[in-house]
Amino acid sequence: MMLKTALVLGLVALTPAVAMASPSCTTEPQEKWMSQDAMKAKVGELGYTIKTFQVTGNCYEIYGFTKDSKRAEVYFNPVTGDVVEAEIDG
């Protein structure tokens, strides 16, 4: 029973860290965001190839590749299209 309680408490303690994993990209409401099609076009202009495109919190996020074929996870400001955070492999 104590082990089960410890596991539950451990998971609860980790939950806020997981919820805060993505950056804060904008405070603007979604009606002010550029369309997903416009954002995908901008991502392409920046040299990324999109494998997955999604909304994460208040960001547009892609999983894909750089122009140098490196794997990339990138968060974008959905209003301006600017890169907020990027993790590039290699």
Protein backbone atom coordinates (compact mmCIF):
# COMPACT_ATOMS: atom_id res chain seq x y z
CA MET A 1 0.00 0.00 0.00
CA MET A 2 2.82 2.43 0.83
CA LEU A 3 4.48 1.75 -2.52
CA LYS A 4 1.25 2.53 -4.36
CA THR A 5 0.84 5.77 -2.40
CA ALA A 6 4.45 6.73 -3.12
CA LEU A 7 3.96 6.07 -6.84
CA VAL A 8 0.78 8.17 -6.96
CA LEU A 9 2.46 11.03 -5.09
CA GLY A 10 5.45 10.81 -7.42
CA LEU A 11 3.24 11.05 -10.49
CA VAL A 12 1.32 13.99 -9.02
CA ALA A 13 4.61 15.76 -8.28
CA LEU A 14 5.75 15.31 -11.90
CA THR A 15 2.48 16.48 -13.47
CA PRO A 16 3.17 20.26 -13.24
CA ALA A 17 6.60 19.79 -14.87
CA VAL A 18 5.05 17.94 -17.80
CA ALA A 19 2.30 20.53 -18.18
CA MET A 20 4.89 23.34 -18.32
CA ALA A 21 7.18 21.58 -20.81
CA SER A 22 6.12 23.68 -23.81
CA PRO A 23 7.11 27.34 -23.95
CA SER A 24 4.74 30.28 -23.79
CA CYS A 25 4.53 31.60 -27.35
CA THR A 26 1.81 34.26 -27.20
CA THR A 27 -0.90 35.76 -25.03
CA GLU A 28 -3.02 36.69 -28.06
CA PRO A 29 -6.37 34.90 -28.57
CA GLN A 30 -6.55 32.29 -31.35
CA GLU A 31 -8.58 34.57 -33.60
CA LYS A 32 -5.43 36.71 -33.95
CA TRP A 33 -3.24 33.73 -34.91
CA MET A 34 -2.18 33.26 -38.53
CA SER A 35 -3.95 30.38 -40.23
CA GLN A 36 -2.35 26.95 -40.05
CA ASP A 37 -1.84 27.01 -43.82
CA ALA A 38 -0.04 30.38 -43.60
CA MET A 39 2.12 29.08 -40.74
CA LYS A 40 2.99 25.91 -42.67
CA ALA A 41 4.07 28.08 -45.62
CA LYS A 42 6.24 30.23 -43.34
CA VAL A 43 7.80 27.12 -41.79
CA GLY A 44 8.72 25.97 -45.29
CA GLU A 45 10.23 29.38 -46.09
CA LEU A 46 12.37 29.03 -42.95
CA GLY A 47 13.79 25.81 -44.41
CA TYR A 48 11.96 23.21 -42.35
CA THR A 49 10.26 20.10 -43.71
CA ILE A 50 7.18 19.27 -41.65
CA LYS A 51 6.51 15.73 -40.53
CA THR A 52 3.95 16.69 -37.85
CA PHE A 53 2.25 20.07 -37.33
CA GLN A 54 0.15 20.73 -34.24
CA VAL A 55 -1.10 23.28 -31.77
CA THR A 56 0.59 22.85 -28.39
CA GLY A 57 -0.64 25.19 -25.68
CA ASN A 58 -0.38 28.68 -27.16
CA CYS A 59 2.16 27.67 -29.83
CA TYR A 60 2.31 26.13 -33.25
CA GLU A 61 4.72 23.19 -33.03
CA ILE A 62 6.38 21.09 -35.68
CA TYR A 63 8.33 17.89 -35.70
CA GLY A 64 10.34 17.64 -38.87
CA PHE A 65 13.71 18.33 -40.40
CA THR A 66 16.00 21.29 -41.05
CA LYS A 67 17.29 22.08 -44.53
CA ASP A 68 20.40 20.10 -43.45
CA SER A 69 18.21 17.01 -42.77
CA LYS A 70 18.61 17.26 -38.98
CA ARG A 71 15.62 16.26 -36.88
CA ALA A 72 13.88 19.26 -35.37
CA GLU A 73 11.20 20.05 -32.80
CA VAL A 74 10.30 23.72 -33.12
CA TYR A 75 7.78 25.96 -31.34
CA PHE A 76 6.54 29.06 -33.16
CA ASN A 77 4.71 32.20 -32.09
CA PRO A 78 1.38 31.70 -33.92
CA VAL A 79 0.86 35.45 -34.42
CA THR A 80 4.27 36.43 -35.81
CA GLY A 81 5.61 33.06 -36.97
CA ASP A 82 8.86 33.64 -35.07
CA VAL A 83 10.74 30.68 -33.61
CA VAL A 84 10.29 30.65 -29.83
CA GLU A 85 12.21 27.48 -29.04
CA ALA A 86 13.95 24.84 -31.16
CA GLU A 87 15.59 21.52 -30.42
CA ILE A 88 17.75 20.39 -33.32
CA ASP A 89 19.48 16.99 -33.26
CA GLY A 90 23.10 16.65 -34.17
